[in-house]
Amino acid sequence: MICPKCEYEYLDSITVCPDCNSELVTKENFEGHLIHPNDWVIVYSCAEDLEADMLKSNLEGADIEVLILNQNDHNFPVIGDLSVIKVLVKKEDAQDASAIIDDINSAS
């Protein structure tokens, strides 16, 4: 049994994590819900956090799971906006996500 939050492994007889009180799951169930980089593709890149967040909201509204990869480094001062923010979806949702993003961008 594994805690999905702490990721500590416990004996099969324990059902609740003693550290965070989360319900434990089987090792197979835990590994089946891990995020693997090979399962995700970049469907959009932008420079603004707001734009990425708005796209994420629209895609999640269509039941598409979304990750935002923000490569903006606030510790390194630069002139202008050189940040790169990527919107990622699962491979099987890439075509639908791209169509939604295209519809949003064509409407503006």
Protein backbone atom coordinates (compact mmCIF):
# COMPACT_ATOMS: atom_id res chain seq x y z
CA MET A 1 0.00 0.00 0.00
CA ILE A 2 1.24 3.49 -0.90
CA CYS A 3 0.20 6.97 0.22
CA PRO A 4 -0.68 8.98 -2.93
CA LYS A 5 0.45 12.23 -1.25
CA CYS A 6 3.55 11.25 0.74
CA GLU A 7 4.50 8.36 -1.58
CA TYR A 8 5.56 6.23 1.39
CA GLU A 9 4.98 2.50 1.22
CA TYR A 10 3.19 0.66 4.04
CA LEU A 11 2.21 -2.88 4.96
CA ASP A 12 -0.94 -4.24 3.33
CA SER A 13 -2.75 -4.18 6.69
CA ILE A 14 -2.52 -0.36 6.94
CA THR A 15 -5.21 1.55 5.04
CA VAL A 16 -4.65 5.19 6.11
CA CYS A 17 -1.39 7.16 6.04
CA PRO A 18 -0.29 7.93 9.60
CA ASP A 19 1.42 11.15 8.44
CA CYS A 20 -1.27 12.89 6.34
CA ASN A 21 -4.41 10.77 6.96
CA SER A 22 -4.83 10.03 3.23
CA GLU A 23 -6.38 6.75 2.18
CA LEU A 24 -3.67 4.39 0.90
CA VAL A 25 -3.84 2.84 -2.57
CA THR A 26 -2.33 -0.30 -4.01
CA LYS A 27 1.06 -0.08 -5.70
CA GLU A 28 -0.51 -0.98 -9.06
CA ASN A 29 -3.16 1.73 -8.75
CA PHE A 30 -0.55 4.30 -7.71
CA GLU A 31 1.78 3.53 -10.61
CA GLY A 32 -1.13 3.58 -13.04
CA HIS A 33 -1.80 7.24 -12.19
CA LEU A 34 1.76 8.54 -12.41
CA ILE A 35 2.49 11.26 -14.95
CA HIS A 36 4.99 10.03 -17.54
CA PRO A 37 6.65 12.63 -19.80
CA ASN A 38 6.25 10.41 -22.87
CA ASP A 39 2.45 10.55 -22.50
CA TRP A 40 2.33 14.35 -23.02
CA VAL A 41 2.82 16.64 -26.02
CA ILE A 42 3.16 20.40 -26.39
CA VAL A 43 0.13 21.87 -28.16
CA TYR A 44 0.84 25.55 -27.63
CA SER A 45 3.62 27.94 -26.59
CA CYS A 46 3.23 31.52 -25.43
CA ALA A 47 4.96 34.20 -23.39
CA GLU A 48 2.14 35.25 -21.04
CA ASP A 49 0.98 33.39 -17.93
CA LEU A 50 -2.55 34.72 -18.39
CA GLU A 51 -2.82 33.34 -21.93
CA ALA A 52 -1.65 29.89 -20.81
CA ASP A 53 -4.04 29.91 -17.83
CA MET A 54 -6.99 30.89 -20.01
CA LEU A 55 -6.22 28.12 -22.50
CA LYS A 56 -5.89 25.67 -19.62
CA SER A 57 -9.32 26.67 -18.31
CA ASN A 58 -10.92 26.23 -21.73
CA LEU A 59 -9.29 22.85 -22.31
CA GLU A 60 -10.21 21.60 -18.84
CA GLY A 61 -13.77 22.72 -19.55
CA ALA A 62 -13.67 20.24 -22.44
CA ASP A 63 -12.45 17.50 -20.04
CA ILE A 64 -8.88 17.64 -21.38
CA GLU A 65 -6.18 17.29 -18.74
CA VAL A 66 -3.58 20.07 -19.04
CA LEU A 67 -0.10 20.77 -17.69
CA ILE A 68 1.57 24.18 -17.89
CA LEU A 69 5.37 24.24 -18.16
CA ASN A 70 6.61 27.71 -17.30
CA GLN A 71 10.27 28.24 -18.09
CA ASN A 72 10.22 31.84 -16.92
CA ASP A 73 13.14 32.57 -14.59
CA HIS A 74 12.28 35.50 -12.32
CA ASN A 75 15.78 35.38 -10.80
CA PHE A 76 17.47 36.41 -14.04
CA PRO A 77 16.64 40.00 -15.01
CA VAL A 78 16.32 40.61 -18.74
CA ILE A 79 14.96 43.36 -20.91
CA GLY A 80 11.80 42.31 -22.71
CA ASP A 81 9.88 39.09 -22.30
CA LEU A 82 11.93 36.03 -23.15
CA SER A 83 9.83 33.58 -21.19
CA VAL A 84 8.48 30.44 -22.78
CA ILE A 85 5.33 28.90 -21.41
CA LYS A 86 4.21 25.59 -22.88
CA VAL A 87 0.75 24.04 -22.73
CA LEU A 88 0.87 20.24 -22.68
CA VAL A 89 -1.91 17.67 -23.05
CA LYS A 90 -1.96 13.90 -23.20
CA LYS A 91 -1.15 12.51 -26.65
CA GLU A 92 -4.63 11.11 -27.15
CA ASP A 93 -6.14 14.59 -26.54
CA ALA A 94 -3.71 16.54 -28.74
CA GLN A 95 -5.92 16.74 -31.83
CA ASP A 96 -8.99 17.91 -29.89
CA ALA A 97 -6.91 20.39 -27.88
CA SER A 98 -5.34 21.84 -31.01
CA ALA A 99 -8.79 22.29 -32.59
CA ILE A 100 -10.05 24.11 -29.49
CA ILE A 101 -6.97 26.36 -29.39
CA ASP A 102 -7.34 27.12 -33.10
CA ASP A 103 -11.01 28.06 -32.58
CA ILE A 104 -10.09 30.37 -29.69
CA ASN A 105 -7.29 32.06 -31.64
CA SER A 106 -9.40 32.49 -34.79
CA ALA A 107 -12.15 34.20 -32.79
CA SER A 108 -9.83 36.92 -31.53
